[in-house]
């Protein structure tokens, strides 16, 4: 008994060490690119051009950030992106919550048919041209609705929330029905308040999708004043790279690498500020949504 216990403890200890080493390596691999691009964006041009940056900035300066922020398009693009992300995420959460509720009810008529039809959209994507034609025929081009409505519900997030609803106690709904509550009242006053972890989880996915959206606004928006941050930063990067000569080492000119990394850091700031507060809901929501009762 004692030998078996010691052997078991040794195995657990060895597993813990290996697990810690693996997770540490993965953390370094994940974090290092962020640290590197931040260091390059804060370093002197001469150090960047010579490739002397490895971990920490050298010759600290904010020239790259000043160059990016001095462009009048950047503040407008930030506001556009914040608006698109807030509106899109709100619509996503509302429609996903409403759609997942009846699908979680086993007595819902046509439940299997609707589930099959929804899951099929994950594998049978119509493609860019059909989507563009539909958006164009609906008169949504050059409008915020072209960015929001075509992706109002994501299938994977819908299934997560549906699974979360299914794990809720049926006695809560039965008690509400006995008290005369309608399905809408049950959803908005009972189910949704209890679904904050799952809503925060899928809301973070929706937020990331809208904030990092690049290809969709590039296709559907022709008005430069409506461009989100990602499109404007792409245009600035192309201009900075085409306007520089890589064969010339000129410390007085702003290095394209610093400019590029500064734009990346600026685009990451809102996500880095929001994620720590949503992390606990994110982890809890994914775990609860994957449980089977």
C-alpha atoms as a PDB file:
ATOM      1  CA  UNK A   1       0.000   0.000   0.000  1.00  0.00           C
ATOM      2  CA  UNK A   2       2.795   2.419   0.944  1.00  0.00           C
ATOM      3  CA  UNK A   3       4.846   1.546  -2.124  1.00  0.00           C
ATOM      4  CA  UNK A   4       1.862   2.009  -4.418  1.00  0.00           C
ATOM      5  CA  UNK A   5       1.080   5.367  -2.821  1.00  0.00           C
ATOM      6  CA  UNK A   6       4.658   6.569  -3.228  1.00  0.00           C
ATOM      7  CA  UNK A   7       4.721   5.382  -6.827  1.00  0.00           C
ATOM      8  CA  UNK A   8       1.466   7.203  -7.526  1.00  0.00           C
ATOM      9  CA  UNK A   9       2.782  10.407  -5.986  1.00  0.00           C
ATOM     10  CA  UNK A  10       5.940  10.150  -8.050  1.00  0.00           C
ATOM     11  CA  UNK A  11       3.896   9.749 -11.212  1.00  0.00           C
ATOM     12  CA  UNK A  12       1.785  12.771 -10.359  1.00  0.00           C
ATOM     13  CA  UNK A  13       4.877  14.818  -9.619  1.00  0.00           C
ATOM     14  CA  UNK A  14       6.522  13.781 -12.879  1.00  0.00           C
ATOM     15  CA  UNK A  15       3.376  14.580 -14.822  1.00  0.00           C
ATOM     16  CA  UNK A  16       3.178  17.965 -13.140  1.00  0.00           C
ATOM     17  CA  UNK A  17       6.758  18.782 -14.090  1.00  0.00           C
ATOM     18  CA  UNK A  18       6.301  17.737 -17.708  1.00  0.00           C
ATOM     19  CA  UNK A  19       2.978  19.518 -17.937  1.00  0.00           C
ATOM     20  CA  UNK A  20       4.496  22.700 -16.512  1.00  0.00           C
ATOM     21  CA  UNK A  21       7.402  22.574 -18.959  1.00  0.00           C
ATOM     22  CA  UNK A  22       5.105  22.066 -21.946  1.00  0.00           C
ATOM     23  CA  UNK A  23       2.758  24.863 -20.907  1.00  0.00           C
ATOM     24  CA  UNK A  24       5.717  27.164 -20.246  1.00  0.00           C
ATOM     25  CA  UNK A  25       7.095  26.509 -23.726  1.00  0.00           C
ATOM     26  CA  UNK A  26       3.699  27.134 -25.285  1.00  0.00           C
ATOM     27  CA  UNK A  27       3.328  30.354 -23.296  1.00  0.00           C
ATOM     28  CA  UNK A  28       6.738  31.582 -24.470  1.00  0.00           C
ATOM     29  CA  UNK A  29       5.935  30.717 -28.083  1.00  0.00           C
ATOM     30  CA  UNK A  30       2.655  32.613 -27.800  1.00  0.00           C
ATOM     31  CA  UNK A  31       3.893  35.665 -25.903  1.00  0.00           C
ATOM     32  CA  UNK A  32       7.262  36.225 -27.586  1.00  0.00           C
ATOM     33  CA  UNK A  33       5.874  37.515 -30.930  1.00  0.00           C
ATOM     34  CA  UNK A  34       3.816  40.114 -29.048  1.00  0.00           C
ATOM     35  CA  UNK A  35       6.833  41.183 -26.985  1.00  0.00           C
ATOM     36  CA  UNK A  36       9.020  41.327 -30.088  1.00  0.00           C
ATOM     37  CA  UNK A  37       6.709  43.472 -32.208  1.00  0.00           C
ATOM     38  CA  UNK A  38       6.191  45.802 -29.242  1.00  0.00           C
ATOM     39  CA  UNK A  39       9.956  46.132 -28.771  1.00  0.00           C
ATOM     40  CA  UNK A  40      10.503  46.856 -32.469  1.00  0.00           C
ATOM     41  CA  UNK A  41       7.756  49.477 -32.514  1.00  0.00           C
ATOM     42  CA  UNK A  42       9.399  51.284 -29.571  1.00  0.00           C
ATOM     43  CA  UNK A  43      12.993  51.118 -30.819  1.00  0.00           C
ATOM     44  CA  UNK A  44      15.172  53.592 -32.687  1.00  0.00           C
ATOM     45  CA  UNK A  45      15.099  53.366 -36.471  1.00  0.00           C
ATOM     46  CA  UNK A  46      18.819  52.581 -36.756  1.00  0.00           C
ATOM     47  CA  UNK A  47      18.486  49.634 -34.356  1.00  0.00           C
ATOM     48  CA  UNK A  48      15.468  48.290 -36.232  1.00  0.00           C
ATOM     49  CA  UNK A  49      17.139  48.551 -39.645  1.00  0.00           C
ATOM     50  CA  UNK A  50      20.248  46.760 -38.385  1.00  0.00           C
ATOM     51  CA  UNK A  51      18.144  43.980 -36.843  1.00  0.00           C
ATOM     52  CA  UNK A  52      19.456  44.435 -33.310  1.00  0.00           C
ATOM     53  CA  UNK A  53      16.112  43.933 -31.567  1.00  0.00           C
ATOM     54  CA  UNK A  54      15.538  40.577 -29.910  1.00  0.00           C
ATOM     55  CA  UNK A  55      13.518  41.090 -26.735  1.00  0.00           C
ATOM     56  CA  UNK A  56      13.748  44.620 -25.353  1.00  0.00           C
ATOM     57  CA  UNK A  57      13.507  47.945 -27.219  1.00  0.00           C
ATOM     58  CA  UNK A  58      16.741  49.798 -27.971  1.00  0.00           C
ATOM     59  CA  UNK A  59      16.869  53.564 -28.346  1.00  0.00           C
ATOM     60  CA  UNK A  60      13.353  54.081 -27.024  1.00  0.00           C
ATOM     61  CA  UNK A  61      11.158  56.378 -29.127  1.00  0.00           C
ATOM     62  CA  UNK A  62       7.535  56.740 -30.202  1.00  0.00           C
ATOM     63  CA  UNK A  63       8.122  57.927 -33.776  1.00  0.00           C
ATOM     64  CA  UNK A  64       6.287  54.972 -35.312  1.00  0.00           C
ATOM     65  CA  UNK A  65       3.201  55.562 -33.164  1.00  0.00           C
ATOM     66  CA  UNK A  66       3.297  59.297 -33.868  1.00  0.00           C
ATOM     67  CA  UNK A  67       3.448  58.585 -37.593  1.00  0.00           C
ATOM     68  CA  UNK A  68       0.434  56.281 -37.423  1.00  0.00           C
ATOM     69  CA  UNK A  69      -1.675  58.469 -35.139  1.00  0.00           C
ATOM     70  CA  UNK A  70      -0.937  61.638 -37.114  1.00  0.00           C
ATOM     71  CA  UNK A  71      -2.907  60.180 -39.999  1.00  0.00           C
ATOM     72  CA  UNK A  72      -6.446  61.608 -39.874  1.00  0.00           C
ATOM     73  CA  UNK A  73      -7.878  58.293 -41.014  1.00  0.00           C
ATOM     74  CA  UNK A  74      -6.812  56.400 -37.896  1.00  0.00           C
ATOM     75  CA  UNK A  75      -9.086  58.106 -35.291  1.00  0.00           C
ATOM     76  CA  UNK A  76     -12.040  57.836 -37.666  1.00  0.00           C
ATOM     77  CA  UNK A  77     -11.237  54.186 -38.354  1.00  0.00           C
ATOM     78  CA  UNK A  78     -11.030  53.500 -34.615  1.00  0.00           C
ATOM     79  CA  UNK A  79     -14.488  54.992 -34.076  1.00  0.00           C
ATOM     80  CA  UNK A  80     -15.860  53.044 -37.045  1.00  0.00           C
ATOM     81  CA  UNK A  81     -14.443  49.796 -35.723  1.00  0.00           C
ATOM     82  CA  UNK A  82     -15.757  50.395 -32.213  1.00  0.00           C
ATOM     83  CA  UNK A  83     -19.218  51.127 -33.622  1.00  0.00           C
ATOM     84  CA  UNK A  84     -19.216  48.118 -35.954  1.00  0.00           C
ATOM     85  CA  UNK A  85     -17.964  45.831 -33.184  1.00  0.00           C
ATOM     86  CA  UNK A  86     -20.438  47.047 -30.560  1.00  0.00           C
ATOM     87  CA  UNK A  87     -23.437  46.917 -32.893  1.00  0.00           C
ATOM     88  CA  UNK A  88     -22.439  43.609 -34.456  1.00  0.00           C
ATOM     89  CA  UNK A  89     -21.750  41.892 -31.131  1.00  0.00           C
ATOM     90  CA  UNK A  90     -25.051  43.118 -29.661  1.00  0.00           C
ATOM     91  CA  UNK A  91     -27.018  41.822 -32.657  1.00  0.00           C
ATOM     92  CA  UNK A  92     -25.079  38.549 -32.614  1.00  0.00           C
ATOM     93  CA  UNK A  93     -25.816  37.922 -28.942  1.00  0.00           C
ATOM     94  CA  UNK A  94     -29.488  38.841 -29.210  1.00  0.00           C
ATOM     95  CA  UNK A  95     -30.217  36.691 -32.258  1.00  0.00           C
ATOM     96  CA  UNK A  96     -28.085  33.784 -31.052  1.00  0.00           C
ATOM     97  CA  UNK A  97     -29.814  33.773 -27.656  1.00  0.00           C
ATOM     98  CA  UNK A  98     -33.265  33.853 -29.236  1.00  0.00           C
ATOM     99  CA  UNK A  99     -32.432  31.181 -31.837  1.00  0.00           C
ATOM    100  CA  UNK A 100     -30.744  28.794 -29.398  1.00  0.00           C
ATOM    101  CA  UNK A 101     -33.653  28.737 -26.937  1.00  0.00           C
ATOM    102  CA  UNK A 102     -36.242  26.880 -29.070  1.00  0.00           C
ATOM    103  CA  UNK A 103     -33.547  24.562 -30.428  1.00  0.00           C
ATOM    104  CA  UNK A 104     -32.764  23.534 -26.852  1.00  0.00           C
ATOM    105  CA  UNK A 105     -36.396  22.520 -26.309  1.00  0.00           C
ATOM    106  CA  UNK A 106     -36.802  18.836 -27.170  1.00  0.00           C
ATOM    107  CA  UNK A 107     -40.517  19.259 -27.865  1.00  0.00           C
ATOM    108  CA  UNK A 108     -39.941  22.050 -30.388  1.00  0.00           C
ATOM    109  CA  UNK A 109     -41.645  21.103 -33.683  1.00  0.00           C
ATOM    110  CA  UNK A 110     -39.117  20.639 -36.500  1.00  0.00           C
ATOM    111  CA  UNK A 111     -36.162  20.812 -34.106  1.00  0.00           C
ATOM    112  CA  UNK A 112     -34.092  18.162 -35.885  1.00  0.00           C
ATOM    113  CA  UNK A 113     -34.756  19.683 -39.297  1.00  0.00           C
ATOM    114  CA  UNK A 114     -33.673  23.161 -38.211  1.00  0.00           C
ATOM    115  CA  UNK A 115     -30.601  21.798 -36.440  1.00  0.00           C
ATOM    116  CA  UNK A 116     -29.581  19.867 -39.542  1.00  0.00           C
ATOM    117  CA  UNK A 117     -30.125  22.905 -41.760  1.00  0.00           C
ATOM    118  CA  UNK A 118     -28.046  25.092 -39.434  1.00  0.00           C
ATOM    119  CA  UNK A 119     -25.210  22.580 -39.132  1.00  0.00           C
ATOM    120  CA  UNK A 120     -25.107  22.174 -42.910  1.00  0.00           C
ATOM    121  CA  UNK A 121     -24.144  25.845 -43.240  1.00  0.00           C
ATOM    122  CA  UNK A 122     -20.851  25.022 -41.532  1.00  0.00           C
ATOM    123  CA  UNK A 123     -19.869  22.741 -44.409  1.00  0.00           C
ATOM    124  CA  UNK A 124     -21.721  24.199 -47.419  1.00  0.00           C
ATOM    125  CA  UNK A 125     -20.591  27.814 -47.642  1.00  0.00           C
ATOM    126  CA  UNK A 126     -21.981  29.494 -50.791  1.00  0.00           C
ATOM    127  CA  UNK A 127     -18.778  31.460 -51.375  1.00  0.00           C
ATOM    128  CA  UNK A 128     -17.815  35.078 -51.863  1.00  0.00           C
ATOM    129  CA  UNK A 129     -19.619  35.875 -55.125  1.00  0.00           C
ATOM    130  CA  UNK A 130     -23.096  34.587 -54.106  1.00  0.00           C
ATOM    131  CA  UNK A 131     -22.808  36.406 -50.786  1.00  0.00           C
ATOM    132  CA  UNK A 132     -21.795  39.618 -52.545  1.00  0.00           C
ATOM    133  CA  UNK A 133     -24.705  39.338 -54.989  1.00  0.00           C
ATOM    134  CA  UNK A 134     -27.176  38.820 -52.140  1.00  0.00           C
ATOM    135  CA  UNK A 135     -25.841  41.806 -50.204  1.00  0.00           C
ATOM    136  CA  UNK A 136     -25.922  43.908 -53.368  1.00  0.00           C
ATOM    137  CA  UNK A 137     -29.498  42.907 -54.243  1.00  0.00           C
ATOM    138  CA  UNK A 138     -30.628  43.797 -50.732  1.00  0.00           C
ATOM    139  CA  UNK A 139     -29.118  47.262 -51.120  1.00  0.00           C
ATOM    140  CA  UNK A 140     -26.739  46.826 -48.186  1.00  0.00           C
ATOM    141  CA  UNK A 141     -23.495  47.798 -49.922  1.00  0.00           C
ATOM    142  CA  UNK A 142     -21.665  50.732 -48.344  1.00  0.00           C
ATOM    143  CA  UNK A 143     -23.631  50.385 -45.120  1.00  0.00           C
ATOM    144  CA  UNK A 144     -22.945  49.032 -41.666  1.00  0.00           C
ATOM    145  CA  UNK A 145     -25.601  46.348 -42.205  1.00  0.00           C
ATOM    146  CA  UNK A 146     -23.431  44.699 -44.852  1.00  0.00           C
ATOM    147  CA  UNK A 147     -20.902  43.978 -42.102  1.00  0.00           C
ATOM    148  CA  UNK A 148     -23.409  42.856 -39.474  1.00  0.00           C
ATOM    149  CA  UNK A 149     -26.398  41.054 -40.987  1.00  0.00           C
ATOM    150  CA  UNK A 150     -24.697  38.423 -43.224  1.00  0.00           C
ATOM    151  CA  UNK A 151     -22.952  37.002 -40.137  1.00  0.00           C
ATOM    152  CA  UNK A 152     -25.634  37.730 -37.561  1.00  0.00           C
ATOM    153  CA  UNK A 153     -25.462  34.178 -36.153  1.00  0.00           C
ATOM    154  CA  UNK A 154     -22.422  31.910 -36.100  1.00  0.00           C
ATOM    155  CA  UNK A 155     -23.251  28.227 -36.086  1.00  0.00           C
ATOM    156  CA  UNK A 156     -20.606  27.129 -33.584  1.00  0.00           C
ATOM    157  CA  UNK A 157     -21.591  29.808 -31.066  1.00  0.00           C
ATOM    158  CA  UNK A 158     -25.252  28.901 -31.531  1.00  0.00           C
ATOM    159  CA  UNK A 159     -24.509  25.268 -30.699  1.00  0.00           C
ATOM    160  CA  UNK A 160     -22.522  26.274 -27.598  1.00  0.00           C
ATOM    161  CA  UNK A 161     -25.404  28.342 -26.258  1.00  0.00           C
ATOM    162  CA  UNK A 162     -27.925  25.638 -27.160  1.00  0.00           C
ATOM    163  CA  UNK A 163     -25.894  23.098 -25.191  1.00  0.00           C
ATOM    164  CA  UNK A 164     -25.737  25.512 -22.261  1.00  0.00           C
ATOM    165  CA  UNK A 165     -29.515  25.936 -22.279  1.00  0.00           C
ATOM    166  CA  UNK A 166     -30.020  22.164 -22.341  1.00  0.00           C
ATOM    167  CA  UNK A 167     -27.994  21.786 -19.136  1.00  0.00           C
ATOM    168  CA  UNK A 168     -30.229  24.173 -17.207  1.00  0.00           C
ATOM    169  CA  UNK A 169     -32.629  22.733 -14.660  1.00  0.00           C
ATOM    170  CA  UNK A 170     -36.013  22.025 -16.198  1.00  0.00           C
ATOM    171  CA  UNK A 171     -37.664  22.746 -12.858  1.00  0.00           C
ATOM    172  CA  UNK A 172     -36.959  26.464 -13.300  1.00  0.00           C
ATOM    173  CA  UNK A 173     -38.964  26.567 -16.493  1.00  0.00           C
ATOM    174  CA  UNK A 174     -41.748  24.406 -15.076  1.00  0.00           C
ATOM    175  CA  UNK A 175     -42.112  26.708 -12.070  1.00  0.00           C
ATOM    176  CA  UNK A 176     -42.282  29.739 -14.360  1.00  0.00           C
ATOM    177  CA  UNK A 177     -44.913  28.072 -16.550  1.00  0.00           C
ATOM    178  CA  UNK A 178     -47.020  27.274 -13.481  1.00  0.00           C
ATOM    179  CA  UNK A 179     -46.847  30.967 -12.545  1.00  0.00           C
ATOM    180  CA  UNK A 180     -48.166  31.862 -15.992  1.00  0.00           C
ATOM    181  CA  UNK A 181     -44.939  33.146 -17.556  1.00  0.00           C
ATOM    182  CA  UNK A 182     -44.718  33.180 -21.348  1.00  0.00           C
ATOM    183  CA  UNK A 183     -41.796  31.726 -23.273  1.00  0.00           C
ATOM    184  CA  UNK A 184     -40.402  35.200 -23.956  1.00  0.00           C
ATOM    185  CA  UNK A 185     -40.553  36.083 -20.267  1.00  0.00           C
ATOM    186  CA  UNK A 186     -38.864  32.812 -19.341  1.00  0.00           C
ATOM    187  CA  UNK A 187     -36.112  33.509 -21.853  1.00  0.00           C
ATOM    188  CA  UNK A 188     -35.398  37.135 -20.978  1.00  0.00           C
ATOM    189  CA  UNK A 189     -36.032  37.077 -17.224  1.00  0.00           C
ATOM    190  CA  UNK A 190     -34.847  33.599 -16.225  1.00  0.00           C
ATOM    191  CA  UNK A 191     -32.715  31.916 -18.869  1.00  0.00           C
ATOM    192  CA  UNK A 192     -30.588  34.850 -20.043  1.00  0.00           C
ATOM    193  CA  UNK A 193     -29.647  36.121 -16.554  1.00  0.00           C
ATOM    194  CA  UNK A 194     -28.420  32.605 -15.744  1.00  0.00           C
ATOM    195  CA  UNK A 195     -26.501  32.410 -19.028  1.00  0.00           C
ATOM    196  CA  UNK A 196     -24.006  35.221 -18.404  1.00  0.00           C
ATOM    197  CA  UNK A 197     -20.931  32.927 -18.536  1.00  0.00           C
ATOM    198  CA  UNK A 198     -21.973  31.420 -21.864  1.00  0.00           C
ATOM    199  CA  UNK A 199     -23.014  34.792 -23.298  1.00  0.00           C
ATOM    200  CA  UNK A 200     -19.693  36.315 -22.255  1.00  0.00           C
ATOM    201  CA  UNK A 201     -17.890  33.387 -23.851  1.00  0.00           C
ATOM    202  CA  UNK A 202     -19.540  33.611 -27.252  1.00  0.00           C
ATOM    203  CA  UNK A 203     -19.615  37.400 -26.991  1.00  0.00           C
ATOM    204  CA  UNK A 204     -15.828  37.391 -26.830  1.00  0.00           C
ATOM    205  CA  UNK A 205     -15.688  35.296 -29.991  1.00  0.00           C
ATOM    206  CA  UNK A 206     -18.090  37.676 -31.715  1.00  0.00           C
ATOM    207  CA  UNK A 207     -16.107  40.682 -30.506  1.00  0.00           C
ATOM    208  CA  UNK A 208     -12.844  39.259 -31.838  1.00  0.00           C
ATOM    209  CA  UNK A 209     -14.449  38.426 -35.164  1.00  0.00           C
ATOM    210  CA  UNK A 210     -15.808  41.939 -35.694  1.00  0.00           C
ATOM    211  CA  UNK A 211     -12.714  43.716 -34.401  1.00  0.00           C
ATOM    212  CA  UNK A 212     -10.344  41.756 -36.639  1.00  0.00           C
ATOM    213  CA  UNK A 213     -12.672  41.779 -39.645  1.00  0.00           C
ATOM    214  CA  UNK A 214     -10.743  42.778 -42.755  1.00  0.00           C
ATOM    215  CA  UNK A 215     -11.917  40.940 -45.852  1.00  0.00           C
ATOM    216  CA  UNK A 216     -15.655  41.585 -45.428  1.00  0.00           C
ATOM    217  CA  UNK A 217     -15.418  45.404 -45.165  1.00  0.00           C
ATOM    218  CA  UNK A 218     -12.847  45.389 -47.952  1.00  0.00           C
ATOM    219  CA  UNK A 219     -15.439  43.791 -50.250  1.00  0.00           C
ATOM    220  CA  UNK A 220     -18.643  45.511 -49.146  1.00  0.00           C
ATOM    221  CA  UNK A 221     -17.420  49.060 -48.419  1.00  0.00           C
ATOM    222  CA  UNK A 222     -16.365  51.495 -51.141  1.00  0.00           C
ATOM    223  CA  UNK A 223     -16.490  54.669 -49.049  1.00  0.00           C
ATOM    224  CA  UNK A 224     -13.072  55.230 -47.449  1.00  0.00           C
ATOM    225  CA  UNK A 225     -14.697  57.184 -44.616  1.00  0.00           C
ATOM    226  CA  UNK A 226     -16.444  53.983 -43.513  1.00  0.00           C
ATOM    227  CA  UNK A 227     -13.330  51.797 -43.456  1.00  0.00           C
ATOM    228  CA  UNK A 228     -12.601  50.019 -40.154  1.00  0.00           C
ATOM    229  CA  UNK A 229      -9.212  50.089 -38.500  1.00  0.00           C
ATOM    230  CA  UNK A 230      -7.849  46.919 -40.100  1.00  0.00           C
ATOM    231  CA  UNK A 231      -8.408  48.180 -43.650  1.00  0.00           C
ATOM    232  CA  UNK A 232      -6.904  51.609 -42.924  1.00  0.00           C
ATOM    233  CA  UNK A 233      -3.845  50.061 -41.279  1.00  0.00           C
ATOM    234  CA  UNK A 234      -3.391  47.785 -44.282  1.00  0.00           C
ATOM    235  CA  UNK A 235      -3.419  50.802 -46.603  1.00  0.00           C
ATOM    236  CA  UNK A 236      -0.875  52.577 -44.409  1.00  0.00           C
ATOM    237  CA  UNK A 237       1.413  49.547 -44.396  1.00  0.00           C
ATOM    238  CA  UNK A 238       1.299  49.253 -48.181  1.00  0.00           C
ATOM    239  CA  UNK A 239       2.121  52.938 -48.531  1.00  0.00           C
ATOM    240  CA  UNK A 240       5.022  52.775 -46.078  1.00  0.00           C
ATOM    241  CA  UNK A 241       6.527  49.701 -47.744  1.00  0.00           C
ATOM    242  CA  UNK A 242       6.166  51.027 -51.278  1.00  0.00           C
ATOM    243  CA  UNK A 243       7.553  54.394 -50.271  1.00  0.00           C
ATOM    244  CA  UNK A 244      10.746  52.994 -48.782  1.00  0.00           C
ATOM    245  CA  UNK A 245      13.852  51.600 -50.446  1.00  0.00           C
ATOM    246  CA  UNK A 246      15.144  48.486 -48.658  1.00  0.00           C
ATOM    247  CA  UNK A 247      18.593  48.890 -50.221  1.00  0.00           C
ATOM    248  CA  UNK A 248      19.165  52.199 -48.441  1.00  0.00           C
ATOM    249  CA  UNK A 249      19.998  52.163 -44.752  1.00  0.00           C
ATOM    250  CA  UNK A 250      18.828  55.612 -43.696  1.00  0.00           C
ATOM    251  CA  UNK A 251      18.532  56.065 -39.952  1.00  0.00           C
ATOM    252  CA  UNK A 252      16.701  59.358 -40.447  1.00  0.00           C
ATOM    253  CA  UNK A 253      13.776  57.666 -42.180  1.00  0.00           C
ATOM    254  CA  UNK A 254      11.170  55.692 -40.290  1.00  0.00           C
ATOM    255  CA  UNK A 255      11.735  51.948 -40.696  1.00  0.00           C
ATOM    256  CA  UNK A 256       8.816  50.116 -42.330  1.00  0.00           C
ATOM    257  CA  UNK A 257       9.201  47.320 -39.751  1.00  0.00           C
ATOM    258  CA  UNK A 258       8.622  49.753 -36.884  1.00  0.00           C
ATOM    259  CA  UNK A 259       5.643  51.252 -38.691  1.00  0.00           C
ATOM    260  CA  UNK A 260       4.158  47.813 -39.310  1.00  0.00           C
ATOM    261  CA  UNK A 261       4.606  46.658 -35.725  1.00  0.00           C
ATOM    262  CA  UNK A 262       3.193  49.900 -34.334  1.00  0.00           C
ATOM    263  CA  UNK A 263       0.004  49.362 -36.320  1.00  0.00           C
ATOM    264  CA  UNK A 264      -0.242  45.799 -35.010  1.00  0.00           C
ATOM    265  CA  UNK A 265       0.154  46.953 -31.404  1.00  0.00           C
ATOM    266  CA  UNK A 266      -2.480  49.668 -31.849  1.00  0.00           C
ATOM    267  CA  UNK A 267      -4.951  47.141 -33.229  1.00  0.00           C
ATOM    268  CA  UNK A 268      -4.323  44.774 -30.285  1.00  0.00           C
ATOM    269  CA  UNK A 269      -4.765  47.298 -27.469  1.00  0.00           C
ATOM    270  CA  UNK A 270      -8.594  47.058 -27.121  1.00  0.00           C
ATOM    271  CA  UNK A 271      -8.482  43.265 -27.147  1.00  0.00           C
ATOM    272  CA  UNK A 272      -5.724  43.194 -24.518  1.00  0.00           C
ATOM    273  CA  UNK A 273      -7.754  45.546 -22.319  1.00  0.00           C
ATOM    274  CA  UNK A 274     -11.007  43.595 -22.564  1.00  0.00           C
ATOM    275  CA  UNK A 275      -9.830  39.982 -22.470  1.00  0.00           C
ATOM    276  CA  UNK A 276      -8.542  39.919 -18.831  1.00  0.00           C
ATOM    277  CA  UNK A 277     -11.981  40.961 -17.577  1.00  0.00           C
ATOM    278  CA  UNK A 278     -13.815  38.436 -19.776  1.00  0.00           C
ATOM    279  CA  UNK A 279     -11.395  35.556 -19.264  1.00  0.00           C
ATOM    280  CA  UNK A 280     -13.189  33.975 -16.292  1.00  0.00           C
ATOM    281  CA  UNK A 281     -16.517  34.050 -18.132  1.00  0.00           C
ATOM    282  CA  UNK A 282     -14.807  32.759 -21.269  1.00  0.00           C
ATOM    283  CA  UNK A 283     -13.352  29.673 -19.584  1.00  0.00           C
ATOM    284  CA  UNK A 284     -16.463  28.958 -17.519  1.00  0.00           C
ATOM    285  CA  UNK A 285     -18.806  29.418 -20.448  1.00  0.00           C
ATOM    286  CA  UNK A 286     -16.902  27.048 -22.717  1.00  0.00           C
ATOM    287  CA  UNK A 287     -16.701  24.362 -20.020  1.00  0.00           C
ATOM    288  CA  UNK A 288     -20.355  24.603 -19.029  1.00  0.00           C
ATOM    289  CA  UNK A 289     -21.481  24.725 -22.626  1.00  0.00           C
ATOM    290  CA  UNK A 290     -19.638  21.504 -23.378  1.00  0.00           C
ATOM    291  CA  UNK A 291     -21.068  19.498 -20.486  1.00  0.00           C
ATOM    292  CA  UNK A 292     -23.721  16.909 -21.113  1.00  0.00           C
ATOM    293  CA  UNK A 293     -26.386  16.495 -18.505  1.00  0.00           C
END
